[in-house]
Each structure stands twice: as structure tokens, then as C-alpha cells.
Amino acid sequence: MPLIPEEPQIHESAQGPRATPATGRAASTPRPVPGPRTAATPRPGRPVPGPRPAPPAQRRHSSSGRPQAAPSENRSAPQLQVIPATADGALDAADEAVDLLLDSGRAPGDILVLTTGDQHPWATHELTFGEAAYWAQHEAGDDVFFAAAAAADRVKPRPVVIVAVNSPADDAAARALAKGRESAGALLIVCGDPQRINAVLGAGV
């Protein structure tokens, strides 16, 4: 009986684990975690032109007990301070005076600024929302208020009145100074040409 040759045995080669590159798995990058929000910068006491966050209708008239009603005690003798300035520089001088007053501790609602010529930029901006909204802020009495001397009859007394003599007309300056003396409870600051101011004051303002 012929021998059948043994079938060759196929030995499987020992294969170790294949080192397949992990191309399918990308390294995970950490996601940015939002940090805490910083608080919004509070609005400075001195108003500057800019959008108002809330319409004046939402303002509450809570000025009872504010110094507005007090000037009757001392309204006849406010202290007078003159800050030399040209007509072109009177508004800047008035702004600096407001900043100094606020830095010294004066409440924004204590201060009224009257201009004899062009409106202060703040007043010009606020008037774009209408006369009613503009004067409602004056009634609220919680911030510095800027008004033209021509509308001075509508303003209420405040402890400090600043008059910016930013027009060449002496009659406008005279009206503004007269109203400033009448409205200032403690301090009247006049920004302008000292010679003009003295001349107007000397005329019995």
C-alpha cells in the first residue's frame, strides 16, 4: 500500500497585535470655558453724550428730600467764583468745573449748567428724544442738568449753578447771570471773560 505523503502542515505564523496607527481618533482639544463676566462700568456722574439706556418715562420722581427745595434758606447770597475762559472755551471750563465738583463729593443732582450761546452737547443730544423727555430728566433731579439760558425760566433752583458765557452777546450773559444768582443755593460759578463778567455784574445783575 503506497504511502500517502503527509499533507504538509500549514503553520500559521504567529502574528502579534497589529500596531495600527490611531488615525481615526484625533487628540481632543480642551474646549474654552467661558469665564465670569465682568461687571459693566458704571455711568459717571457727569452726563456725556450717549444713548440713554432707559426712556425718561421709566424714571421715578424720587427727589423728595433732595437739596432742590433747600435753596430758599440761602438763595440770596451764593458764593461767586469766576473761571477765566474765552467764549470758545467756556463749555470746556464748565465741564472741568463739573468734574471737580463731583470729585469733591457733590451729588450730580446738585448741579445745574446754563449756557448763554450754543447748547451743551449733552443737551443737544437729549433734546433729540423730545422736549418732554429732556425736561423729565430735570424734574427727576438725579443728574447734572444742562440748559440754555434762554430756557432758564423753566429750571428749578439747585445748590450749585454754573454759567458758561459762550456767546458774545452781553444781554444773554446778563440774563444767565441773573438767573444763576436766583437759582444757586450755595455756589455760582461763571466761566467766561472776567472783564465782561465784572461789567455785567457791575450793571446790577
N, C-alpha and C. Protein backbone atom coordinates (compact mmCIF):
# COMPACT_ATOMS: atom_id res chain seq x y z
N MET A 1 0.88 -1.17 0.00
CA MET A 1 0.00 0.00 0.00
C MET A 1 0.90 1.20 0.00
N PRO A 2 0.69 1.96 -1.02
CA PRO A 2 1.62 3.10 -1.13
C PRO A 2 1.39 4.09 -0.03
N LEU A 3 2.46 4.61 0.37
CA LEU A 3 2.36 5.60 1.43
C LEU A 3 1.90 6.92 0.84
N ILE A 4 0.91 7.44 1.48
CA ILE A 4 0.42 8.78 1.05
C ILE A 4 1.26 9.81 1.79
N PRO A 5 1.87 10.54 0.98
CA PRO A 5 2.72 11.55 1.68
C PRO A 5 1.86 12.45 2.55
N GLU A 6 2.46 12.70 3.67
CA GLU A 6 1.70 13.57 4.59
C GLU A 6 1.48 14.93 3.97
N GLU A 7 0.27 15.32 4.20
CA GLU A 7 0.00 16.67 3.70
C GLU A 7 0.80 17.67 4.53
N PRO A 8 1.37 18.50 3.80
CA PRO A 8 2.18 19.47 4.56
C PRO A 8 1.30 20.28 5.50
N GLN A 9 1.76 20.35 6.70
CA GLN A 9 1.01 21.14 7.69
C GLN A 9 1.35 22.61 7.54
N ILE A 10 0.28 23.36 7.45
CA ILE A 10 0.47 24.81 7.31
C ILE A 10 0.49 25.40 8.69
N HIS A 11 1.62 25.92 9.00
CA HIS A 11 1.76 26.55 10.32
C HIS A 11 1.45 28.02 10.19
N GLU A 12 0.46 28.40 10.94
CA GLU A 12 0.14 29.83 10.91
C GLU A 12 1.23 30.60 11.61
N SER A 13 1.63 31.63 10.94
CA SER A 13 2.68 32.43 11.58
C SER A 13 2.07 33.20 12.73
N ALA A 14 2.76 33.19 13.80
CA ALA A 14 2.25 33.88 14.98
C ALA A 14 2.27 35.38 14.72
N GLN A 15 1.11 35.87 14.63
CA GLN A 15 1.02 37.30 14.39
C GLN A 15 0.65 38.02 15.69
N GLY A 16 1.45 38.96 16.03
CA GLY A 16 1.13 39.73 17.24
C GLY A 16 0.07 40.78 16.91
N PRO A 17 -0.29 41.47 17.89
CA PRO A 17 -1.29 42.53 17.65
C PRO A 17 -0.74 43.57 16.70
N ARG A 18 -1.53 43.90 15.72
CA ARG A 18 -1.07 44.87 14.75
C ARG A 18 -1.07 46.26 15.35
N ALA A 19 0.01 46.90 15.11
CA ALA A 19 0.10 48.27 15.62
C ALA A 19 -0.46 49.19 14.56
N THR A 20 -1.73 49.40 14.65
CA THR A 20 -2.36 50.28 13.66
C THR A 20 -2.35 51.69 14.21
N PRO A 21 -1.92 52.61 13.41
CA PRO A 21 -1.91 53.98 13.93
C PRO A 21 -3.32 54.46 14.20
N ALA A 22 -3.46 55.12 15.30
CA ALA A 22 -4.81 55.58 15.70
C ALA A 22 -5.14 56.85 14.95
N THR A 23 -5.29 56.61 13.64
CA THR A 23 -5.59 57.79 12.83
C THR A 23 -7.03 58.23 12.99
N GLY A 24 -7.89 57.31 13.37
CA GLY A 24 -9.31 57.66 13.49
C GLY A 24 -9.61 58.49 14.71
N ARG A 25 -8.73 58.47 15.70
CA ARG A 25 -9.01 59.19 16.93
C ARG A 25 -8.09 60.40 17.00
N ALA A 26 -8.66 61.53 16.84
CA ALA A 26 -7.87 62.75 16.92
C ALA A 26 -7.77 63.18 18.37
N ALA A 27 -6.65 63.76 18.69
CA ALA A 27 -6.46 64.20 20.07
C ALA A 27 -7.49 65.28 20.39
N SER A 28 -8.16 65.10 21.50
CA SER A 28 -9.23 66.04 21.84
C SER A 28 -8.63 67.32 22.40
N THR A 29 -9.07 68.41 21.87
CA THR A 29 -8.57 69.70 22.36
C THR A 29 -9.55 70.23 23.40
N PRO A 30 -9.03 70.80 24.46
CA PRO A 30 -9.95 71.28 25.51
C PRO A 30 -10.81 72.43 25.00
N ARG A 31 -12.08 72.40 25.33
CA ARG A 31 -12.98 73.46 24.91
C ARG A 31 -12.81 74.67 25.82
N PRO A 32 -12.87 75.85 25.21
CA PRO A 32 -12.75 77.03 26.09
C PRO A 32 -13.95 77.16 26.99
N VAL A 33 -13.70 77.40 28.24
CA VAL A 33 -14.79 77.56 29.21
C VAL A 33 -14.99 79.05 29.44
N PRO A 34 -16.19 79.54 29.22
CA PRO A 34 -16.38 80.98 29.41
C PRO A 34 -16.16 81.36 30.86
N GLY A 35 -15.39 82.41 31.05
CA GLY A 35 -15.10 82.87 32.40
C GLY A 35 -16.20 83.78 32.90
N PRO A 36 -16.04 84.25 34.11
CA PRO A 36 -17.09 85.13 34.66
C PRO A 36 -17.12 86.45 33.92
N ARG A 37 -18.30 86.99 33.74
CA ARG A 37 -18.44 88.26 33.06
C ARG A 37 -18.05 89.38 34.00
N THR A 38 -17.35 90.32 33.42
CA THR A 38 -17.01 91.48 34.24
C THR A 38 -18.20 92.40 34.30
N ALA A 39 -18.36 93.06 35.42
CA ALA A 39 -19.50 93.97 35.59
C ALA A 39 -19.33 95.17 34.68
N ALA A 40 -20.45 95.65 34.21
CA ALA A 40 -20.39 96.81 33.32
C ALA A 40 -19.90 98.02 34.08
N THR A 41 -19.13 98.88 33.40
CA THR A 41 -18.60 100.08 34.04
C THR A 41 -19.75 101.02 34.37
N PRO A 42 -19.84 101.49 35.60
CA PRO A 42 -20.95 102.37 35.94
C PRO A 42 -20.85 103.69 35.21
N ARG A 43 -21.99 104.28 34.95
CA ARG A 43 -22.01 105.55 34.26
C ARG A 43 -21.49 106.64 35.17
N PRO A 44 -20.58 107.48 34.70
CA PRO A 44 -20.08 108.55 35.56
C PRO A 44 -21.16 109.53 35.90
N GLY A 45 -20.88 110.25 36.94
CA GLY A 45 -21.88 111.21 37.38
C GLY A 45 -22.13 112.29 36.37
N ARG A 46 -21.09 112.77 35.71
CA ARG A 46 -21.29 113.83 34.73
C ARG A 46 -21.82 113.24 33.45
N PRO A 47 -22.96 113.71 32.97
CA PRO A 47 -23.50 113.15 31.74
C PRO A 47 -22.68 113.54 30.55
N VAL A 48 -22.54 112.63 29.65
CA VAL A 48 -21.87 112.89 28.39
C VAL A 48 -22.78 112.41 27.29
N PRO A 49 -22.60 112.93 26.11
CA PRO A 49 -23.50 112.49 25.04
C PRO A 49 -23.41 111.01 24.81
N GLY A 50 -24.52 110.35 24.75
CA GLY A 50 -24.57 108.92 24.53
C GLY A 50 -25.99 108.43 24.68
N PRO A 51 -26.27 107.24 24.18
CA PRO A 51 -27.64 106.75 24.26
C PRO A 51 -28.06 106.49 25.68
N ARG A 52 -29.28 106.85 26.02
CA ARG A 52 -29.82 106.60 27.35
C ARG A 52 -30.36 105.18 27.40
N PRO A 53 -30.02 104.39 28.42
CA PRO A 53 -30.50 103.01 28.48
C PRO A 53 -31.98 102.90 28.72
N ALA A 54 -32.59 103.86 29.37
CA ALA A 54 -34.00 103.74 29.69
C ALA A 54 -34.69 105.05 29.32
N PRO A 55 -35.89 104.98 28.77
CA PRO A 55 -36.60 106.21 28.43
C PRO A 55 -36.99 106.95 29.70
N PRO A 56 -37.13 108.26 29.62
CA PRO A 56 -37.46 109.02 30.82
C PRO A 56 -38.75 108.60 31.48
N ALA A 57 -39.65 107.94 30.70
CA ALA A 57 -40.91 107.52 31.30
C ALA A 57 -40.68 106.53 32.42
N GLN A 58 -39.56 105.82 32.41
CA GLN A 58 -39.29 104.83 33.43
C GLN A 58 -38.60 105.43 34.65
N ARG A 59 -38.21 106.70 34.53
CA ARG A 59 -37.58 107.34 35.68
C ARG A 59 -38.64 107.63 36.74
N ARG A 60 -38.31 107.38 37.96
CA ARG A 60 -39.23 107.65 39.05
C ARG A 60 -38.86 108.97 39.71
N HIS A 61 -39.84 109.77 39.99
CA HIS A 61 -39.58 111.04 40.65
C HIS A 61 -39.41 110.77 42.13
N SER A 62 -38.17 110.59 42.53
CA SER A 62 -37.89 110.25 43.93
C SER A 62 -36.97 111.29 44.54
N SER A 63 -37.17 112.53 44.17
CA SER A 63 -36.26 113.56 44.63
C SER A 63 -36.76 114.28 45.88
N SER A 64 -37.73 113.68 46.58
CA SER A 64 -38.16 114.30 47.82
C SER A 64 -37.03 114.27 48.81
N GLY A 65 -36.80 115.38 49.46
CA GLY A 65 -35.69 115.47 50.39
C GLY A 65 -34.39 115.85 49.75
N ARG A 66 -34.38 116.03 48.40
CA ARG A 66 -33.16 116.43 47.73
C ARG A 66 -32.92 117.90 47.98
N PRO A 67 -31.68 118.35 47.72
CA PRO A 67 -31.36 119.74 48.05
C PRO A 67 -32.07 120.77 47.19
N GLN A 68 -32.92 120.36 46.26
CA GLN A 68 -33.56 121.33 45.38
C GLN A 68 -34.47 122.28 46.16
N ALA A 69 -35.12 121.78 47.17
CA ALA A 69 -36.05 122.63 47.89
C ALA A 69 -35.36 123.48 48.95
N ALA A 70 -34.09 123.22 49.19
CA ALA A 70 -33.40 123.90 50.27
C ALA A 70 -32.92 125.31 49.97
N PRO A 71 -32.65 125.68 48.69
CA PRO A 71 -32.01 126.97 48.47
C PRO A 71 -32.74 128.17 49.01
N SER A 72 -34.01 128.06 49.41
CA SER A 72 -34.71 129.21 49.94
C SER A 72 -34.02 129.75 51.19
N GLU A 73 -33.24 128.90 51.90
CA GLU A 73 -32.58 129.36 53.10
C GLU A 73 -31.48 130.37 52.76
N ASN A 74 -30.73 130.09 51.69
CA ASN A 74 -29.51 130.85 51.45
C ASN A 74 -29.41 131.36 50.02
N ARG A 75 -30.54 131.42 49.32
CA ARG A 75 -30.51 131.70 47.91
C ARG A 75 -30.09 133.12 47.60
N SER A 76 -30.17 134.05 48.55
CA SER A 76 -29.84 135.44 48.27
C SER A 76 -28.34 135.70 48.29
N ALA A 77 -27.55 134.79 48.82
CA ALA A 77 -26.12 135.04 48.95
C ALA A 77 -25.28 133.84 48.53
N PRO A 78 -25.37 133.41 47.27
CA PRO A 78 -24.49 132.32 46.86
C PRO A 78 -23.06 132.82 46.72
N GLN A 79 -22.12 131.95 46.97
CA GLN A 79 -20.71 132.30 46.77
C GLN A 79 -20.44 132.38 45.28
N LEU A 80 -19.70 133.42 44.85
CA LEU A 80 -19.41 133.63 43.44
C LEU A 80 -17.98 133.24 43.14
N GLN A 81 -17.81 132.45 42.09
CA GLN A 81 -16.47 132.07 41.64
C GLN A 81 -16.40 132.26 40.13
N VAL A 82 -15.38 132.99 39.66
CA VAL A 82 -15.21 133.25 38.24
C VAL A 82 -14.04 132.43 37.72
N ILE A 83 -14.27 131.67 36.65
CA ILE A 83 -13.21 130.89 35.99
C ILE A 83 -12.92 131.54 34.65
N PRO A 84 -11.75 132.15 34.47
CA PRO A 84 -11.45 132.82 33.20
C PRO A 84 -11.47 131.84 32.03
N ALA A 85 -12.16 132.25 30.96
CA ALA A 85 -12.24 131.41 29.76
C ALA A 85 -12.71 132.28 28.61
N THR A 86 -12.29 131.91 27.41
CA THR A 86 -12.81 132.58 26.22
C THR A 86 -14.21 132.06 25.93
N ALA A 87 -14.91 132.72 25.02
CA ALA A 87 -16.24 132.25 24.65
C ALA A 87 -16.18 130.83 24.08
N ASP A 88 -15.12 130.55 23.31
CA ASP A 88 -14.97 129.21 22.73
C ASP A 88 -14.60 128.16 23.78
N GLY A 89 -13.95 128.60 24.84
CA GLY A 89 -13.51 127.64 25.86
C GLY A 89 -14.40 127.57 27.08
N ALA A 90 -15.50 128.32 27.09
CA ALA A 90 -16.35 128.37 28.28
C ALA A 90 -17.00 127.02 28.58
N LEU A 91 -17.41 126.29 27.53
CA LEU A 91 -18.04 124.98 27.77
C LEU A 91 -17.05 124.00 28.38
N ASP A 92 -15.82 124.01 27.87
CA ASP A 92 -14.80 123.11 28.43
C ASP A 92 -14.52 123.46 29.88
N ALA A 93 -14.46 124.76 30.17
CA ALA A 93 -14.22 125.18 31.56
C ALA A 93 -15.38 124.75 32.46
N ALA A 94 -16.60 124.83 31.94
CA ALA A 94 -17.76 124.39 32.73
C ALA A 94 -17.70 122.88 32.99
N ASP A 95 -17.30 122.11 31.97
CA ASP A 95 -17.17 120.66 32.15
C ASP A 95 -16.13 120.33 33.22
N GLU A 96 -15.01 121.06 33.20
CA GLU A 96 -13.97 120.82 34.20
C GLU A 96 -14.48 121.17 35.59
N ALA A 97 -15.27 122.24 35.68
CA ALA A 97 -15.83 122.62 36.98
C ALA A 97 -16.78 121.54 37.50
N VAL A 98 -17.58 120.97 36.58
CA VAL A 98 -18.47 119.88 36.98
C VAL A 98 -17.67 118.69 37.51
N ASP A 99 -16.60 118.33 36.81
CA ASP A 99 -15.77 117.20 37.24
C ASP A 99 -15.18 117.45 38.62
N LEU A 100 -14.69 118.66 38.86
CA LEU A 100 -14.11 118.98 40.16
C LEU A 100 -15.15 118.91 41.26
N LEU A 101 -16.34 119.39 40.98
CA LEU A 101 -17.41 119.34 41.98
C LEU A 101 -17.79 117.90 42.32
N LEU A 102 -17.90 117.06 41.28
CA LEU A 102 -18.24 115.65 41.53
C LEU A 102 -17.12 114.96 42.29
N ASP A 103 -15.87 115.26 41.94
CA ASP A 103 -14.74 114.66 42.65
C ASP A 103 -14.69 115.09 44.11
N SER A 104 -15.18 116.29 44.38
CA SER A 104 -15.16 116.78 45.76
C SER A 104 -16.32 116.26 46.59
N GLY A 105 -17.21 115.49 45.97
CA GLY A 105 -18.30 114.88 46.73
C GLY A 105 -19.67 115.45 46.46
N ARG A 106 -19.78 116.43 45.58
CA ARG A 106 -21.09 116.98 45.25
C ARG A 106 -21.93 115.92 44.52
N ALA A 107 -23.21 115.86 44.86
CA ALA A 107 -24.11 114.95 44.17
C ALA A 107 -24.41 115.50 42.78
N PRO A 108 -24.51 114.63 41.76
CA PRO A 108 -24.80 115.12 40.41
C PRO A 108 -26.07 115.96 40.34
N GLY A 109 -27.08 115.59 41.13
CA GLY A 109 -28.34 116.33 41.11
C GLY A 109 -28.26 117.70 41.73
N ASP A 110 -27.12 118.04 42.33
CA ASP A 110 -26.94 119.37 42.92
C ASP A 110 -26.54 120.42 41.89
N ILE A 111 -26.19 119.99 40.68
CA ILE A 111 -25.50 120.87 39.73
C ILE A 111 -26.38 121.18 38.52
N LEU A 112 -26.46 122.47 38.20
CA LEU A 112 -27.15 122.95 37.00
C LEU A 112 -26.15 123.77 36.19
N VAL A 113 -26.11 123.54 34.89
CA VAL A 113 -25.21 124.29 33.99
C VAL A 113 -26.06 125.04 32.99
N LEU A 114 -25.86 126.36 32.91
CA LEU A 114 -26.55 127.20 31.94
C LEU A 114 -25.56 127.69 30.90
N THR A 115 -25.95 127.70 29.64
CA THR A 115 -25.10 128.19 28.56
C THR A 115 -25.76 129.40 27.93
N THR A 116 -24.96 130.44 27.66
CA THR A 116 -25.52 131.66 27.07
C THR A 116 -25.57 131.59 25.55
N GLY A 117 -24.80 130.70 24.95
CA GLY A 117 -24.77 130.57 23.49
C GLY A 117 -25.28 129.21 23.05
N ASP A 118 -24.44 128.49 22.32
CA ASP A 118 -24.82 127.15 21.85
C ASP A 118 -25.09 126.22 23.02
N GLN A 119 -26.01 125.31 22.80
CA GLN A 119 -26.33 124.30 23.81
C GLN A 119 -25.11 123.43 24.09
N HIS A 120 -25.04 122.93 25.32
CA HIS A 120 -24.04 121.92 25.63
C HIS A 120 -24.35 120.67 24.80
N PRO A 121 -23.31 119.94 24.34
CA PRO A 121 -23.57 118.74 23.51
C PRO A 121 -24.52 117.74 24.17
N TRP A 122 -24.45 117.63 25.49
CA TRP A 122 -25.36 116.70 26.18
C TRP A 122 -26.81 117.12 25.97
N ALA A 123 -27.07 118.42 26.15
CA ALA A 123 -28.44 118.92 25.98
C ALA A 123 -28.90 118.74 24.53
N THR A 124 -28.00 119.03 23.59
CA THR A 124 -28.35 118.85 22.18
C THR A 124 -28.75 117.41 21.89
N HIS A 125 -27.99 116.47 22.45
CA HIS A 125 -28.31 115.04 22.23
C HIS A 125 -29.62 114.66 22.89
N GLU A 126 -29.82 115.07 24.13
CA GLU A 126 -31.04 114.67 24.84
C GLU A 126 -32.29 115.27 24.22
N LEU A 127 -32.17 116.45 23.64
CA LEU A 127 -33.33 117.07 23.00
C LEU A 127 -33.77 116.34 21.75
N THR A 128 -32.92 115.49 21.20
CA THR A 128 -33.34 114.70 20.04
C THR A 128 -34.43 113.69 20.42
N PHE A 129 -34.56 113.40 21.72
CA PHE A 129 -35.62 112.49 22.18
C PHE A 129 -36.91 113.24 22.50
N GLY A 130 -36.89 114.55 22.32
CA GLY A 130 -38.10 115.34 22.56
C GLY A 130 -37.99 116.21 23.80
N GLU A 131 -38.72 117.32 23.77
CA GLU A 131 -38.71 118.26 24.90
C GLU A 131 -39.20 117.60 26.20
N ALA A 132 -40.27 116.80 26.08
CA ALA A 132 -40.84 116.19 27.29
C ALA A 132 -39.82 115.28 27.99
N ALA A 133 -39.13 114.46 27.19
CA ALA A 133 -38.13 113.56 27.78
C ALA A 133 -36.97 114.35 28.38
N TYR A 134 -36.59 115.42 27.70
CA TYR A 134 -35.48 116.25 28.18
C TYR A 134 -35.81 116.88 29.54
N TRP A 135 -36.97 117.51 29.64
CA TRP A 135 -37.33 118.19 30.88
C TRP A 135 -37.72 117.20 31.99
N ALA A 136 -38.13 116.00 31.61
CA ALA A 136 -38.41 114.99 32.63
C ALA A 136 -37.16 114.67 33.44
N GLN A 137 -36.00 114.71 32.78
CA GLN A 137 -34.76 114.45 33.49
C GLN A 137 -34.45 115.57 34.48
N HIS A 138 -34.80 116.79 34.11
CA HIS A 138 -34.63 117.91 35.04
C HIS A 138 -35.55 117.73 36.25
N GLU A 139 -36.77 117.31 36.00
CA GLU A 139 -37.71 117.11 37.11
C GLU A 139 -37.24 115.99 38.04
N ALA A 140 -36.64 114.96 37.44
CA ALA A 140 -36.16 113.84 38.28
C ALA A 140 -35.06 114.32 39.23
N GLY A 141 -34.22 115.25 38.78
CA GLY A 141 -33.23 115.86 39.66
C GLY A 141 -32.17 114.92 40.17
N ASP A 142 -31.84 113.87 39.43
CA ASP A 142 -30.85 112.92 39.93
C ASP A 142 -29.54 112.97 39.15
N ASP A 143 -29.38 113.99 38.28
CA ASP A 143 -28.17 114.07 37.49
C ASP A 143 -27.86 115.53 37.18
N VAL A 144 -26.63 115.77 36.74
CA VAL A 144 -26.28 117.11 36.28
C VAL A 144 -27.18 117.47 35.11
N PHE A 145 -27.67 118.70 35.10
CA PHE A 145 -28.58 119.11 34.03
C PHE A 145 -28.00 120.32 33.31
N PHE A 146 -28.06 120.29 31.97
CA PHE A 146 -27.54 121.36 31.12
C PHE A 146 -28.72 122.00 30.39
N ALA A 147 -28.78 123.33 30.43
CA ALA A 147 -29.88 124.03 29.77
C ALA A 147 -29.37 125.33 29.18
N ALA A 148 -30.08 125.82 28.17
CA ALA A 148 -29.75 127.11 27.59
C ALA A 148 -30.30 128.21 28.48
N ALA A 149 -29.57 129.34 28.53
CA ALA A 149 -30.03 130.46 29.35
C ALA A 149 -31.39 130.96 28.89
N ALA A 150 -31.68 130.79 27.60
CA ALA A 150 -32.97 131.23 27.08
C ALA A 150 -34.13 130.46 27.72
N ALA A 151 -33.86 129.25 28.19
CA ALA A 151 -34.91 128.44 28.82
C ALA A 151 -34.75 128.43 30.34
N ALA A 152 -34.01 129.40 30.86
CA ALA A 152 -33.71 129.39 32.29
C ALA A 152 -34.94 129.55 33.17
N ASP A 153 -36.01 130.11 32.62
CA ASP A 153 -37.22 130.29 33.43
C ASP A 153 -37.85 128.95 33.82
N ARG A 154 -37.49 127.89 33.10
CA ARG A 154 -38.08 126.58 33.41
C ARG A 154 -37.26 125.78 34.42
N VAL A 155 -36.04 126.22 34.71
CA VAL A 155 -35.19 125.44 35.60
C VAL A 155 -35.53 125.73 37.06
N LYS A 156 -35.33 124.74 37.89
CA LYS A 156 -35.56 124.88 39.32
C LYS A 156 -34.23 125.15 40.03
N PRO A 157 -34.28 125.79 41.19
CA PRO A 157 -33.04 126.09 41.92
C PRO A 157 -32.29 124.81 42.28
N ARG A 158 -30.96 124.94 42.26
CA ARG A 158 -30.09 123.86 42.71
C ARG A 158 -28.97 124.48 43.54
N PRO A 159 -28.33 123.71 44.40
CA PRO A 159 -27.28 124.27 45.24
C PRO A 159 -26.14 124.91 44.46
N VAL A 160 -25.79 124.33 43.30
CA VAL A 160 -24.67 124.86 42.51
C VAL A 160 -25.16 125.14 41.10
N VAL A 161 -24.90 126.36 40.63
CA VAL A 161 -25.22 126.73 39.25
C VAL A 161 -23.94 127.19 38.58
N ILE A 162 -23.68 126.65 37.39
CA ILE A 162 -22.52 127.04 36.58
C ILE A 162 -23.05 127.73 35.33
N VAL A 163 -22.54 128.93 35.06
CA VAL A 163 -22.93 129.66 33.86
C VAL A 163 -21.74 129.68 32.92
N ALA A 164 -21.91 129.13 31.72
CA ALA A 164 -20.87 129.15 30.69
C ALA A 164 -21.20 130.29 29.73
N VAL A 165 -20.41 131.35 29.77
CA VAL A 165 -20.64 132.50 28.90
C VAL A 165 -19.96 132.21 27.56
N ASN A 166 -20.68 131.49 26.71
CA ASN A 166 -20.10 131.04 25.43
C ASN A 166 -20.71 131.75 24.24
N SER A 167 -21.19 132.97 24.46
CA SER A 167 -21.70 133.80 23.36
C SER A 167 -21.20 135.22 23.54
N PRO A 168 -21.09 135.98 22.46
CA PRO A 168 -20.61 137.35 22.58
C PRO A 168 -21.66 138.34 23.05
N ALA A 169 -22.90 137.93 23.15
CA ALA A 169 -23.98 138.85 23.50
C ALA A 169 -24.02 139.10 25.00
N ASP A 170 -23.87 140.37 25.38
CA ASP A 170 -23.89 140.70 26.80
C ASP A 170 -25.27 140.55 27.42
N ASP A 171 -26.33 140.77 26.62
CA ASP A 171 -27.67 140.64 27.20
C ASP A 171 -27.97 139.20 27.59
N ALA A 172 -27.48 138.25 26.77
CA ALA A 172 -27.66 136.83 27.12
C ALA A 172 -26.88 136.49 28.38
N ALA A 173 -25.68 137.04 28.49
CA ALA A 173 -24.88 136.80 29.68
C ALA A 173 -25.56 137.40 30.91
N ALA A 174 -26.12 138.58 30.75
CA ALA A 174 -26.80 139.24 31.88
C ALA A 174 -27.99 138.42 32.36
N ARG A 175 -28.78 137.91 31.40
CA ARG A 175 -29.94 137.08 31.79
C ARG A 175 -29.49 135.81 32.50
N ALA A 176 -28.42 135.19 31.96
CA ALA A 176 -27.95 133.94 32.55
C ALA A 176 -27.40 134.17 33.96
N LEU A 177 -26.66 135.26 34.14
CA LEU A 177 -26.10 135.54 35.46
C LEU A 177 -27.19 135.88 36.46
N ALA A 178 -28.18 136.62 36.01
CA ALA A 178 -29.30 136.93 36.90
C ALA A 178 -30.02 135.66 37.33
N LYS A 179 -30.27 134.78 36.36
CA LYS A 179 -30.95 133.52 36.70
C LYS A 179 -30.04 132.64 37.56
N GLY A 180 -28.73 132.67 37.28
CA GLY A 180 -27.82 131.88 38.10
C GLY A 180 -27.81 132.32 39.55
N ARG A 181 -27.79 133.63 39.76
CA ARG A 181 -27.84 134.13 41.14
C ARG A 181 -29.14 133.75 41.82
N GLU A 182 -30.21 133.78 41.06
CA GLU A 182 -31.52 133.45 41.63
C GLU A 182 -31.64 131.97 41.95
N SER A 183 -31.02 131.13 41.13
CA SER A 183 -31.20 129.68 41.26
C SER A 183 -30.16 129.01 42.14
N ALA A 184 -28.99 129.64 42.31
CA ALA A 184 -27.91 128.98 43.06
C ALA A 184 -28.18 129.09 44.55
N GLY A 185 -28.19 127.95 45.21
CA GLY A 185 -28.40 127.95 46.65
C GLY A 185 -27.14 128.23 47.44
N ALA A 186 -25.98 127.73 46.96
CA ALA A 186 -24.75 127.89 47.72
C ALA A 186 -23.60 128.45 46.89
N LEU A 187 -23.53 128.09 45.61
CA LEU A 187 -22.36 128.45 44.81
C LEU A 187 -22.77 128.78 43.38
N LEU A 188 -22.27 129.93 42.88
CA LEU A 188 -22.46 130.32 41.49
C LEU A 188 -21.08 130.40 40.84
N ILE A 189 -20.87 129.59 39.82
CA ILE A 189 -19.60 129.57 39.08
C ILE A 189 -19.85 130.12 37.70
N VAL A 190 -19.05 131.11 37.30
CA VAL A 190 -19.21 131.72 35.99
C VAL A 190 -17.93 131.48 35.19
N CYS A 191 -18.06 130.87 34.02
CA CYS A 191 -16.92 130.60 33.14
C CYS A 191 -16.99 131.55 31.95
N GLY A 192 -16.01 132.43 31.85
CA GLY A 192 -16.02 133.39 30.76
C GLY A 192 -14.96 134.45 30.95
N ASP A 193 -15.06 135.51 30.17
CA ASP A 193 -14.12 136.62 30.23
C ASP A 193 -14.38 137.42 31.50
N PRO A 194 -13.40 137.50 32.42
CA PRO A 194 -13.63 138.18 33.70
C PRO A 194 -14.06 139.64 33.52
N GLN A 195 -13.51 140.34 32.53
CA GLN A 195 -13.88 141.74 32.34
C GLN A 195 -15.35 141.87 31.95
N ARG A 196 -15.79 141.01 31.05
CA ARG A 196 -17.22 141.03 30.67
C ARG A 196 -18.09 140.68 31.86
N ILE A 197 -17.68 139.67 32.60
CA ILE A 197 -18.49 139.23 33.73
C ILE A 197 -18.59 140.34 34.76
N ASN A 198 -17.46 141.02 35.05
CA ASN A 198 -17.47 142.10 36.03
C ASN A 198 -18.32 143.27 35.55
N ALA A 199 -18.27 143.52 34.22
CA ALA A 199 -19.07 144.60 33.67
C ALA A 199 -20.55 144.30 33.82
N VAL A 200 -20.93 143.04 33.55
CA VAL A 200 -22.34 142.66 33.66
C VAL A 200 -22.77 142.67 35.11
N LEU A 201 -21.93 142.16 35.97
CA LEU A 201 -22.25 142.14 37.40
C LEU A 201 -22.34 143.56 37.95
N GLY A 202 -21.45 144.42 37.45
CA GLY A 202 -21.47 145.81 37.90
C GLY A 202 -22.69 146.57 37.44
N ALA A 203 -23.37 146.03 36.41
CA ALA A 203 -24.56 146.70 35.91
C ALA A 203 -25.79 146.36 36.75
N GLY A 204 -25.57 145.66 37.84
CA GLY A 204 -26.69 145.41 38.76
C GLY A 204 -27.31 144.06 38.62
N VAL A 205 -26.62 143.12 37.99
CA VAL A 205 -27.16 141.76 37.85
C VAL A 205 -27.19 141.09 39.21
